[in-house]
Amino acid sequence: MVRFERSVLCSGVVILVCLCGPAAAQPKVELLWPDGAPGAKGQAEGDKPTLTVYLPSQDKATGAAVVICPGGGYGALAVDHEGHQIGQWLNSFGVAGFIVKYRHRNSGAGYGHPAPIQDAQRAVRTVRSRATEWDVDPSRIGILGFSAGGHLASTAATHFNESFCEPRDAIDRVSCRPDFAVLVYPVISFTEPFTHTGSRTNLLGPNADPALIEKFSNEKQATPQTPPTFLFHTWEDTGVPAENSIAFYLALRKANVPAEMHIFLKGQHGIGLGQNRGAASAWPGLCAKWMEESGFLKGKP
């Protein structure tokens, strides 16, 4: 059974926030690279990154879209509570959701950098290039990530001017800059003591070049061109401490990038939408309000 939480946006619009349960219709799954991903090491399922498409009903659709990056320490993907449930939640207030099943250390033949960011950038480009087909506004495409997926999303938000593979087709020549970012208990820094070392090792390897570690400490990469960002974390999170979100928020503020951050007292790492988790369960509604206030839910173009 699907369960919803009632939430009211600042404009007075009432939305129903999906908390759990199956989707109304089976989402479509597509290969990101039908002819094979760059650097593919095999032909197993894990060697083939995909995009799972959750489209809202036509009567609700706002034209906004979000690419979803589940967490998993760059060694797995939490595709249910940080993927499918998020697509359903976004659909509940008219936003199209696109789950990117990106390559990682334990997928297929095993992948580190640059495979995850190749897949995330390709996902943003795919949604933008097919905006008309999916009835979305190409100027309102965001990226949302959890934990290590939050690191990937923050990488997409700060390294969009860099290409990590040679263009193969017209999709690869479309802009991969997200128009906004939502980072949920994200890994951000790879240099500070509060980093998640497992994510760093899975992505960059155990003996990574210090310059690469610095480069993907994304609190050091924020610029005025970084997109507006919403951040959620909890004080209780010991897996990925809240200092990660705080560091990125301060970097965004220094760069004069609009940002909103919520740090709740209670809540372990990995709570997803946070249903039945006390005050932290408010974050989905707060995020929807932020999207509305920021103009991302303004209606179809």
C-alpha atoms as a PDB file:
ATOM      1  CA  MET A   1       0.000   0.000   0.000  1.00  0.00           C
ATOM      2  CA  VAL A   2       1.286   3.455  -0.896  1.00  0.00           C
ATOM      3  CA  ARG A   3       1.328   5.969   1.959  1.00  0.00           C
ATOM      4  CA  PHE A   4       1.547   9.739   1.613  1.00  0.00           C
ATOM      5  CA  GLU A   5       2.265  12.674   3.894  1.00  0.00           C
ATOM      6  CA  ARG A   6       0.353  15.910   3.317  1.00  0.00           C
ATOM      7  CA  SER A   7       2.577  18.949   2.783  1.00  0.00           C
ATOM      8  CA  VAL A   8       1.756  22.542   1.859  1.00  0.00           C
ATOM      9  CA  LEU A   9       4.045  24.606  -0.325  1.00  0.00           C
ATOM     10  CA  CYS A  10       4.667  28.285   0.322  1.00  0.00           C
ATOM     11  CA  SER A  11       2.292  29.200  -2.492  1.00  0.00           C
ATOM     12  CA  GLY A  12      -0.504  27.339  -0.722  1.00  0.00           C
ATOM     13  CA  VAL A  13      -0.378  24.395  -3.127  1.00  0.00           C
ATOM     14  CA  VAL A  14      -0.975  21.076  -1.367  1.00  0.00           C
ATOM     15  CA  ILE A  15       1.191  18.133  -2.371  1.00  0.00           C
ATOM     16  CA  LEU A  16       1.149  14.533  -1.283  1.00  0.00           C
ATOM     17  CA  VAL A  17       4.618  13.319  -0.394  1.00  0.00           C
ATOM     18  CA  CYS A  18       5.018   9.625  -1.247  1.00  0.00           C
ATOM     19  CA  LEU A  19       6.594   7.798   1.668  1.00  0.00           C
ATOM     20  CA  CYS A  20       6.658   4.187   0.541  1.00  0.00           C
ATOM     21  CA  GLY A  21       5.074   1.515  -1.588  1.00  0.00           C
ATOM     22  CA  PRO A  22       5.064   0.436  -5.236  1.00  0.00           C
ATOM     23  CA  ALA A  23       4.867   2.800  -8.166  1.00  0.00           C
ATOM     24  CA  ALA A  24       1.546   3.250  -9.925  1.00  0.00           C
ATOM     25  CA  ALA A  25       3.106   1.975 -13.145  1.00  0.00           C
ATOM     26  CA  GLN A  26       6.303   0.125 -13.925  1.00  0.00           C
ATOM     27  CA  PRO A  27       9.032   2.602 -14.889  1.00  0.00           C
ATOM     28  CA  LYS A  28      10.922   2.201 -18.135  1.00  0.00           C
ATOM     29  CA  VAL A  29      14.614   1.235 -17.955  1.00  0.00           C
ATOM     30  CA  GLU A  30      17.021   2.268 -20.711  1.00  0.00           C
ATOM     31  CA  LEU A  31      20.736   1.847 -21.343  1.00  0.00           C
ATOM     32  CA  LEU A  32      22.643   5.105 -21.002  1.00  0.00           C
ATOM     33  CA  TRP A  33      24.952   4.023 -23.813  1.00  0.00           C
ATOM     34  CA  PRO A  34      23.156   1.548 -26.117  1.00  0.00           C
ATOM     35  CA  ASP A  35      26.441   0.794 -27.906  1.00  0.00           C
ATOM     36  CA  GLY A  36      28.421   0.285 -24.702  1.00  0.00           C
ATOM     37  CA  ALA A  37      29.663   2.641 -22.006  1.00  0.00           C
ATOM     38  CA  PRO A  38      33.096   4.263 -22.292  1.00  0.00           C
ATOM     39  CA  GLY A  39      35.728   2.104 -20.636  1.00  0.00           C
ATOM     40  CA  ALA A  40      33.353  -0.853 -20.299  1.00  0.00           C
ATOM     41  CA  LYS A  41      35.255  -3.913 -19.056  1.00  0.00           C
ATOM     42  CA  GLY A  42      32.674  -6.556 -19.891  1.00  0.00           C
ATOM     43  CA  GLN A  43      29.144  -7.348 -20.975  1.00  0.00           C
ATOM     44  CA  ALA A  44      27.574  -8.170 -17.603  1.00  0.00           C
ATOM     45  CA  GLU A  45      24.613  -6.200 -16.276  1.00  0.00           C
ATOM     46  CA  GLY A  46      26.901  -4.193 -13.986  1.00  0.00           C
ATOM     47  CA  ASP A  47      28.987  -3.070 -16.954  1.00  0.00           C
ATOM     48  CA  LYS A  48      25.943  -1.390 -18.511  1.00  0.00           C
ATOM     49  CA  PRO A  49      24.746   1.773 -16.715  1.00  0.00           C
ATOM     50  CA  THR A  50      21.027   2.468 -17.041  1.00  0.00           C
ATOM     51  CA  LEU A  51      18.432   5.178 -16.581  1.00  0.00           C
ATOM     52  CA  THR A  52      15.115   4.296 -14.904  1.00  0.00           C
ATOM     53  CA  VAL A  53      12.393   6.719 -15.980  1.00  0.00           C
ATOM     54  CA  TYR A  54       9.636   7.809 -13.563  1.00  0.00           C
ATOM     55  CA  LEU A  55       7.259  10.248 -15.261  1.00  0.00           C
ATOM     56  CA  PRO A  56       4.472  12.030 -13.352  1.00  0.00           C
ATOM     57  CA  SER A  57       0.904  11.997 -14.556  1.00  0.00           C
ATOM     58  CA  GLN A  58       0.140  14.641 -17.163  1.00  0.00           C
ATOM     59  CA  ASP A  59      -2.278  16.466 -14.876  1.00  0.00           C
ATOM     60  CA  LYS A  60       0.456  16.936 -12.242  1.00  0.00           C
ATOM     61  CA  ALA A  61       3.552  17.444 -14.390  1.00  0.00           C
ATOM     62  CA  THR A  62       5.391  20.708 -13.688  1.00  0.00           C
ATOM     63  CA  GLY A  63       8.120  20.285 -16.302  1.00  0.00           C
ATOM     64  CA  ALA A  64      10.845  19.870 -13.654  1.00  0.00           C
ATOM     65  CA  ALA A  65      13.097  16.806 -13.702  1.00  0.00           C
ATOM     66  CA  VAL A  66      15.638  15.284 -11.329  1.00  0.00           C
ATOM     67  CA  VAL A  67      18.416  12.765 -11.970  1.00  0.00           C
ATOM     68  CA  ILE A  68      18.673  10.491  -8.910  1.00  0.00           C
ATOM     69  CA  CYS A  69      21.998   9.050  -7.690  1.00  0.00           C
ATOM     70  CA  PRO A  70      21.496   6.367  -5.001  1.00  0.00           C
ATOM     71  CA  GLY A  71      24.160   5.944  -2.351  1.00  0.00           C
ATOM     72  CA  GLY A  72      26.252   2.893  -1.508  1.00  0.00           C
ATOM     73  CA  GLY A  73      29.814   4.041  -0.863  1.00  0.00           C
ATOM     74  CA  TYR A  74      30.757   3.727  -4.554  1.00  0.00           C
ATOM     75  CA  GLY A  75      30.611  -0.019  -3.924  1.00  0.00           C
ATOM     76  CA  ALA A  76      26.865  -0.687  -4.137  1.00  0.00           C
ATOM     77  CA  LEU A  77      23.597   1.096  -4.949  1.00  0.00           C
ATOM     78  CA  ALA A  78      20.672   1.541  -2.530  1.00  0.00           C
ATOM     79  CA  VAL A  79      18.208   1.542  -5.413  1.00  0.00           C
ATOM     80  CA  ASP A  80      15.033   1.081  -3.346  1.00  0.00           C
ATOM     81  CA  HIS A  81      14.893   3.678  -0.545  1.00  0.00           C
ATOM     82  CA  GLU A  82      17.360   5.997  -2.324  1.00  0.00           C
ATOM     83  CA  GLY A  83      16.094   5.310  -5.825  1.00  0.00           C
ATOM     84  CA  HIS A  84      12.635   3.952  -6.603  1.00  0.00           C
ATOM     85  CA  GLN A  85      11.003   5.542  -3.552  1.00  0.00           C
ATOM     86  CA  ILE A  86      12.545   8.866  -4.574  1.00  0.00           C
ATOM     87  CA  GLY A  87      11.172   8.608  -8.104  1.00  0.00           C
ATOM     88  CA  GLN A  88       7.705   7.988  -6.652  1.00  0.00           C
ATOM     89  CA  TRP A  89       8.050  10.896  -4.232  1.00  0.00           C
ATOM     90  CA  LEU A  90       9.107  13.289  -7.015  1.00  0.00           C
ATOM     91  CA  ASN A  91       6.209  12.138  -9.197  1.00  0.00           C
ATOM     92  CA  SER A  92       3.774  12.859  -6.352  1.00  0.00           C
ATOM     93  CA  PHE A  93       4.304  16.604  -6.834  1.00  0.00           C
ATOM     94  CA  GLY A  94       4.781  16.653 -10.572  1.00  0.00           C
ATOM     95  CA  VAL A  95       8.535  16.179 -10.987  1.00  0.00           C
ATOM     96  CA  ALA A  96       9.994  13.596 -13.373  1.00  0.00           C
ATOM     97  CA  GLY A  97      12.577  11.308 -11.754  1.00  0.00           C
ATOM     98  CA  PHE A  98      15.428   9.508 -13.516  1.00  0.00           C
ATOM     99  CA  ILE A  99      17.430   6.972 -11.497  1.00  0.00           C
ATOM    100  CA  VAL A 100      20.958   6.513 -12.802  1.00  0.00           C
ATOM    101  CA  LYS A 101      22.370   3.059 -12.114  1.00  0.00           C
ATOM    102  CA  TYR A 102      25.993   4.127 -12.304  1.00  0.00           C
ATOM    103  CA  ARG A 103      29.019   1.862 -12.345  1.00  0.00           C
ATOM    104  CA  HIS A 104      30.969   1.351  -9.105  1.00  0.00           C
ATOM    105  CA  ARG A 105      33.688  -0.761  -7.536  1.00  0.00           C
ATOM    106  CA  ASN A 106      31.529  -3.890  -7.236  1.00  0.00           C
ATOM    107  CA  SER A 107      29.506  -3.633 -10.450  1.00  0.00           C
ATOM    108  CA  GLY A 108      30.408  -5.742 -13.459  1.00  0.00           C
ATOM    109  CA  ALA A 109      34.175  -6.031 -13.722  1.00  0.00           C
ATOM    110  CA  GLY A 110      34.623  -3.275 -11.116  1.00  0.00           C
ATOM    111  CA  TYR A 111      34.843   0.483 -11.688  1.00  0.00           C
ATOM    112  CA  GLY A 112      36.361   3.528 -10.041  1.00  0.00           C
ATOM    113  CA  HIS A 113      36.870   7.028 -11.376  1.00  0.00           C
ATOM    114  CA  PRO A 114      35.903   8.209 -13.982  1.00  0.00           C
ATOM    115  CA  ALA A 115      33.059   5.736 -14.629  1.00  0.00           C
ATOM    116  CA  PRO A 116      30.552   7.121 -12.044  1.00  0.00           C
ATOM    117  CA  ILE A 117      30.833  10.727 -13.220  1.00  0.00           C
ATOM    118  CA  GLN A 118      30.730   9.600 -16.855  1.00  0.00           C
ATOM    119  CA  ASP A 119      27.410   7.909 -16.100  1.00  0.00           C
ATOM    120  CA  ALA A 120      26.006  10.847 -14.101  1.00  0.00           C
ATOM    121  CA  GLN A 121      26.919  13.381 -16.768  1.00  0.00           C
ATOM    122  CA  ARG A 122      25.448  11.138 -19.462  1.00  0.00           C
ATOM    123  CA  ALA A 123      22.229  10.892 -17.442  1.00  0.00           C
ATOM    124  CA  VAL A 124      21.845  14.688 -17.216  1.00  0.00           C
ATOM    125  CA  ARG A 125      22.647  15.040 -20.908  1.00  0.00           C
ATOM    126  CA  THR A 126      20.172  12.317 -21.847  1.00  0.00           C
ATOM    127  CA  VAL A 127      17.320  13.943 -19.934  1.00  0.00           C
ATOM    128  CA  ARG A 128      18.114  17.349 -21.408  1.00  0.00           C
ATOM    129  CA  SER A 129      18.460  16.047 -24.969  1.00  0.00           C
ATOM    130  CA  ARG A 130      15.115  14.205 -24.726  1.00  0.00           C
ATOM    131  CA  ALA A 131      13.273  16.942 -22.842  1.00  0.00           C
ATOM    132  CA  THR A 132      10.533  17.242 -25.441  1.00  0.00           C
ATOM    133  CA  GLU A 133       9.904  13.491 -25.468  1.00  0.00           C
ATOM    134  CA  TRP A 134       9.628  13.370 -21.675  1.00  0.00           C
ATOM    135  CA  ASP A 135       7.757  16.703 -21.393  1.00  0.00           C
ATOM    136  CA  VAL A 136      10.361  18.395 -19.202  1.00  0.00           C
ATOM    137  CA  ASP A 137      11.927  21.842 -19.296  1.00  0.00           C
ATOM    138  CA  PRO A 138      15.619  21.568 -20.301  1.00  0.00           C
ATOM    139  CA  SER A 139      16.388  24.547 -18.041  1.00  0.00           C
ATOM    140  CA  ARG A 140      14.927  22.873 -14.919  1.00  0.00           C
ATOM    141  CA  ILE A 141      16.849  19.621 -14.650  1.00  0.00           C
ATOM    142  CA  GLY A 142      18.328  18.924 -11.234  1.00  0.00           C
ATOM    143  CA  ILE A 143      20.457  16.205  -9.686  1.00  0.00           C
ATOM    144  CA  LEU A 144      19.801  14.523  -6.335  1.00  0.00           C
ATOM    145  CA  GLY A 145      22.188  12.222  -4.499  1.00  0.00           C
ATOM    146  CA  PHE A 146      22.414  10.315  -1.236  1.00  0.00           C
ATOM    147  CA  SER A 147      25.654   9.645   0.664  1.00  0.00           C
ATOM    148  CA  ALA A 148      28.279   8.640  -1.946  1.00  0.00           C
ATOM    149  CA  GLY A 149      25.582   9.399  -4.513  1.00  0.00           C
ATOM    150  CA  GLY A 150      25.599  12.861  -2.942  1.00  0.00           C
ATOM    151  CA  HIS A 151      29.309  13.067  -3.670  1.00  0.00           C
ATOM    152  CA  LEU A 152      28.577  12.072  -7.261  1.00  0.00           C
ATOM    153  CA  ALA A 153      25.808  14.667  -7.489  1.00  0.00           C
ATOM    154  CA  SER A 154      28.081  17.354  -6.028  1.00  0.00           C
ATOM    155  CA  THR A 155      30.761  16.322  -8.535  1.00  0.00           C
ATOM    156  CA  ALA A 156      28.254  16.773 -11.353  1.00  0.00           C
ATOM    157  CA  ALA A 157      27.378  20.188  -9.897  1.00  0.00           C
ATOM    158  CA  THR A 158      30.986  21.374  -9.662  1.00  0.00           C
ATOM    159  CA  HIS A 159      32.816  19.646 -12.552  1.00  0.00           C
ATOM    160  CA  PHE A 160      30.310  20.169 -15.374  1.00  0.00           C
ATOM    161  CA  ASN A 161      32.839  22.141 -17.454  1.00  0.00           C
ATOM    162  CA  GLU A 162      35.102  19.086 -17.623  1.00  0.00           C
ATOM    163  CA  SER A 163      34.532  16.202 -20.006  1.00  0.00           C
ATOM    164  CA  PHE A 164      35.476  12.776 -18.686  1.00  0.00           C
ATOM    165  CA  CYS A 165      35.159  10.942 -22.014  1.00  0.00           C
ATOM    166  CA  GLU A 166      35.303  11.717 -25.707  1.00  0.00           C
ATOM    167  CA  PRO A 167      31.924  12.650 -27.216  1.00  0.00           C
ATOM    168  CA  ARG A 168      30.361   9.759 -29.129  1.00  0.00           C
ATOM    169  CA  ASP A 169      27.030  11.174 -30.270  1.00  0.00           C
ATOM    170  CA  ALA A 170      24.775  14.216 -30.148  1.00  0.00           C
ATOM    171  CA  ILE A 171      23.754  13.478 -26.544  1.00  0.00           C
ATOM    172  CA  ASP A 172      27.376  13.763 -25.400  1.00  0.00           C
ATOM    173  CA  ARG A 173      27.508  17.301 -26.814  1.00  0.00           C
ATOM    174  CA  VAL A 174      24.566  18.569 -24.733  1.00  0.00           C
ATOM    175  CA  SER A 175      25.264  20.500 -21.517  1.00  0.00           C
ATOM    176  CA  CYS A 176      25.636  18.319 -18.427  1.00  0.00           C
ATOM    177  CA  ARG A 177      25.305  21.183 -15.923  1.00  0.00           C
ATOM    178  CA  PRO A 178      22.458  20.504 -13.479  1.00  0.00           C
ATOM    179  CA  ASP A 179      20.167  23.481 -12.913  1.00  0.00           C
ATOM    180  CA  PHE A 180      19.944  22.652  -9.203  1.00  0.00           C
ATOM    181  CA  ALA A 181      21.223  20.046  -6.764  1.00  0.00           C
ATOM    182  CA  VAL A 182      19.751  18.214  -3.772  1.00  0.00           C
ATOM    183  CA  LEU A 183      22.358  16.588  -1.527  1.00  0.00           C
ATOM    184  CA  VAL A 184      21.102  14.204   1.156  1.00  0.00           C
ATOM    185  CA  TYR A 185      23.619  13.251   3.877  1.00  0.00           C
ATOM    186  CA  PRO A 186      26.288  13.626   1.181  1.00  0.00           C
ATOM    187  CA  VAL A 187      29.939  12.703   1.149  1.00  0.00           C
ATOM    188  CA  ILE A 188      31.630  15.942   0.084  1.00  0.00           C
ATOM    189  CA  SER A 189      35.263  16.169   1.206  1.00  0.00           C
ATOM    190  CA  PHE A 190      38.011  13.652   0.478  1.00  0.00           C
ATOM    191  CA  THR A 191      40.715  15.578   2.339  1.00  0.00           C
ATOM    192  CA  GLU A 192      39.198  16.397   5.729  1.00  0.00           C
ATOM    193  CA  PRO A 193      39.127  14.020   8.768  1.00  0.00           C
ATOM    194  CA  PHE A 194      35.346  13.755   8.466  1.00  0.00           C
ATOM    195  CA  THR A 195      35.488  12.166   5.005  1.00  0.00           C
ATOM    196  CA  HIS A 196      34.033   8.725   4.321  1.00  0.00           C
ATOM    197  CA  THR A 197      37.245   6.852   3.543  1.00  0.00           C
ATOM    198  CA  GLY A 198      35.429   3.854   2.050  1.00  0.00           C
ATOM    199  CA  SER A 199      33.835   6.014  -0.636  1.00  0.00           C
ATOM    200  CA  ARG A 200      37.148   7.700  -1.397  1.00  0.00           C
ATOM    201  CA  THR A 201      38.968   4.369  -1.680  1.00  0.00           C
ATOM    202  CA  ASN A 202      36.279   2.787  -3.850  1.00  0.00           C
ATOM    203  CA  LEU A 203      36.252   5.752  -6.200  1.00  0.00           C
ATOM    204  CA  LEU A 204      39.937   6.688  -6.381  1.00  0.00           C
ATOM    205  CA  GLY A 205      41.735   3.584  -5.131  1.00  0.00           C
ATOM    206  CA  PRO A 206      43.816   2.984  -1.972  1.00  0.00           C
ATOM    207  CA  ASN A 207      46.851   4.950  -3.186  1.00  0.00           C
ATOM    208  CA  ALA A 208      45.226   7.816  -5.035  1.00  0.00           C
ATOM    209  CA  ASP A 209      47.175  10.763  -6.335  1.00  0.00           C
ATOM    210  CA  PRO A 210      46.878  13.610  -3.770  1.00  0.00           C
ATOM    211  CA  ALA A 211      45.978  15.980  -6.611  1.00  0.00           C
ATOM    212  CA  LEU A 212      43.003  13.760  -7.504  1.00  0.00           C
ATOM    213  CA  ILE A 213      41.899  13.626  -3.865  1.00  0.00           C
ATOM    214  CA  GLU A 214      42.036  17.421  -3.742  1.00  0.00           C
ATOM    215  CA  LYS A 215      40.181  17.743  -7.030  1.00  0.00           C
ATOM    216  CA  PHE A 216      37.243  15.657  -5.835  1.00  0.00           C
ATOM    217  CA  SER A 217      36.983  17.333  -2.456  1.00  0.00           C
ATOM    218  CA  ASN A 218      34.020  19.220  -3.823  1.00  0.00           C
ATOM    219  CA  GLU A 219      33.820  21.863  -1.099  1.00  0.00           C
ATOM    220  CA  LYS A 220      36.982  23.214  -2.750  1.00  0.00           C
ATOM    221  CA  GLN A 221      35.433  23.279  -6.217  1.00  0.00           C
ATOM    222  CA  ALA A 222      32.378  25.497  -5.704  1.00  0.00           C
ATOM    223  CA  THR A 223      32.229  28.581  -7.941  1.00  0.00           C
ATOM    224  CA  PRO A 224      29.560  31.200  -8.733  1.00  0.00           C
ATOM    225  CA  GLN A 225      28.462  28.878 -11.568  1.00  0.00           C
ATOM    226  CA  THR A 226      27.648  26.005  -9.186  1.00  0.00           C
ATOM    227  CA  PRO A 227      23.864  25.499  -9.252  1.00  0.00           C
ATOM    228  CA  PRO A 228      21.549  26.347  -6.308  1.00  0.00           C
ATOM    229  CA  THR A 229      21.653  23.560  -3.736  1.00  0.00           C
ATOM    230  CA  PHE A 230      19.509  22.037  -0.997  1.00  0.00           C
ATOM    231  CA  LEU A 231      21.297  20.060   1.744  1.00  0.00           C
ATOM    232  CA  PHE A 232      19.941  17.697   4.412  1.00  0.00           C
ATOM    233  CA  HIS A 233      21.901  15.989   7.183  1.00  0.00           C
ATOM    234  CA  THR A 234      21.534  14.881  10.814  1.00  0.00           C
ATOM    235  CA  TRP A 235      23.644  15.520  13.889  1.00  0.00           C
ATOM    236  CA  GLU A 236      23.510  11.809  14.753  1.00  0.00           C
ATOM    237  CA  ASP A 237      25.035  10.716  11.437  1.00  0.00           C
ATOM    238  CA  THR A 238      28.394   9.155  12.278  1.00  0.00           C
ATOM    239  CA  GLY A 239      28.817   7.326   8.958  1.00  0.00           C
ATOM    240  CA  VAL A 240      29.076  10.557   6.981  1.00  0.00           C
ATOM    241  CA  PRO A 241      29.243  13.421   9.495  1.00  0.00           C
ATOM    242  CA  ALA A 242      27.268  16.619   8.959  1.00  0.00           C
ATOM    243  CA  GLU A 243      30.522  18.552   8.544  1.00  0.00           C
ATOM    244  CA  ASN A 244      30.382  17.407   4.908  1.00  0.00           C
ATOM    245  CA  SER A 245      27.176  19.352   4.258  1.00  0.00           C
ATOM    246  CA  ILE A 246      28.353  22.271   6.377  1.00  0.00           C
ATOM    247  CA  ALA A 247      31.610  22.565   4.398  1.00  0.00           C
ATOM    248  CA  PHE A 248      29.753  22.596   1.091  1.00  0.00           C
ATOM    249  CA  TYR A 249      27.155  25.068   2.336  1.00  0.00           C
ATOM    250  CA  LEU A 250      29.899  27.484   3.463  1.00  0.00           C
ATOM    251  CA  ALA A 251      31.673  27.090   0.115  1.00  0.00           C
ATOM    252  CA  LEU A 252      28.438  27.881  -1.726  1.00  0.00           C
ATOM    253  CA  ARG A 253      27.823  30.899   0.470  1.00  0.00           C
ATOM    254  CA  LYS A 254      31.344  32.167  -0.201  1.00  0.00           C
ATOM    255  CA  ALA A 255      30.682  31.765  -3.935  1.00  0.00           C
ATOM    256  CA  ASN A 256      27.318  33.570  -3.562  1.00  0.00           C
ATOM    257  CA  VAL A 257      25.370  30.504  -4.717  1.00  0.00           C
ATOM    258  CA  PRO A 258      21.831  30.261  -3.256  1.00  0.00           C
ATOM    259  CA  ALA A 259      21.683  27.349  -0.812  1.00  0.00           C
ATOM    260  CA  GLU A 260      19.483  25.969   1.925  1.00  0.00           C
ATOM    261  CA  MET A 261      20.648  23.511   4.584  1.00  0.00           C
ATOM    262  CA  HIS A 262      18.765  21.564   7.261  1.00  0.00           C
ATOM    263  CA  ILE A 263      20.561  19.615   9.989  1.00  0.00           C
ATOM    264  CA  PHE A 264      18.249  17.639  12.260  1.00  0.00           C
ATOM    265  CA  LEU A 265      19.227  16.227  15.638  1.00  0.00           C
ATOM    266  CA  LYS A 266      17.963  12.657  15.243  1.00  0.00           C
ATOM    267  CA  GLY A 267      18.440  10.197  12.409  1.00  0.00           C
ATOM    268  CA  GLN A 268      21.024   7.607  11.483  1.00  0.00           C
ATOM    269  CA  HIS A 269      22.872   7.608   8.173  1.00  0.00           C
ATOM    270  CA  GLY A 270      20.917   6.218   5.241  1.00  0.00           C
ATOM    271  CA  ILE A 271      17.353   7.056   6.298  1.00  0.00           C
ATOM    272  CA  GLY A 272      16.171   7.862   2.767  1.00  0.00           C
ATOM    273  CA  LEU A 273      12.884   9.773   2.883  1.00  0.00           C
ATOM    274  CA  GLY A 274      12.992   9.443   6.668  1.00  0.00           C
ATOM    275  CA  GLN A 275       9.484   8.073   7.150  1.00  0.00           C
ATOM    276  CA  ASN A 276       8.679   7.496  10.832  1.00  0.00           C
ATOM    277  CA  ARG A 277      11.982   9.108  11.825  1.00  0.00           C
ATOM    278  CA  GLY A 278      10.660  12.008  13.873  1.00  0.00           C
ATOM    279  CA  ALA A 279      11.535  15.547  12.869  1.00  0.00           C
ATOM    280  CA  ALA A 280      13.916  14.361  10.128  1.00  0.00           C
ATOM    281  CA  SER A 281      10.887  13.082   8.192  1.00  0.00           C
ATOM    282  CA  ALA A 282      10.170  16.733   7.364  1.00  0.00           C
ATOM    283  CA  TRP A 283      13.047  17.004   4.903  1.00  0.00           C
ATOM    284  CA  PRO A 284      11.136  15.857   1.775  1.00  0.00           C
ATOM    285  CA  GLY A 285       8.470  18.496   2.329  1.00  0.00           C
ATOM    286  CA  LEU A 286      11.101  21.147   3.013  1.00  0.00           C
ATOM    287  CA  CYS A 287      12.916  20.173  -0.161  1.00  0.00           C
ATOM    288  CA  ALA A 288       9.708  20.418  -2.208  1.00  0.00           C
ATOM    289  CA  LYS A 289       9.078  23.875  -0.715  1.00  0.00           C
ATOM    290  CA  TRP A 290      12.623  24.921  -1.602  1.00  0.00           C
ATOM    291  CA  MET A 291      12.133  23.761  -5.167  1.00  0.00           C
ATOM    292  CA  GLU A 292       8.869  25.709  -5.347  1.00  0.00           C
ATOM    293  CA  GLU A 293      10.358  28.874  -3.810  1.00  0.00           C
ATOM    294  CA  SER A 294      13.358  28.654  -6.155  1.00  0.00           C
ATOM    295  CA  GLY A 295      11.119  28.591  -9.227  1.00  0.00           C
ATOM    296  CA  PHE A 296      11.765  25.005 -10.287  1.00  0.00           C
ATOM    297  CA  LEU A 297       8.082  24.013  -9.981  1.00  0.00           C
ATOM    298  CA  LYS A 298       6.712  26.919 -11.961  1.00  0.00           C
ATOM    299  CA  GLY A 299       4.778  24.755 -14.420  1.00  0.00           C
ATOM    300  CA  LYS A 300       5.336  23.440 -17.901  1.00  0.00           C
ATOM    301  CA  PRO A 301       7.370  25.615 -20.276  1.00  0.00           C
END
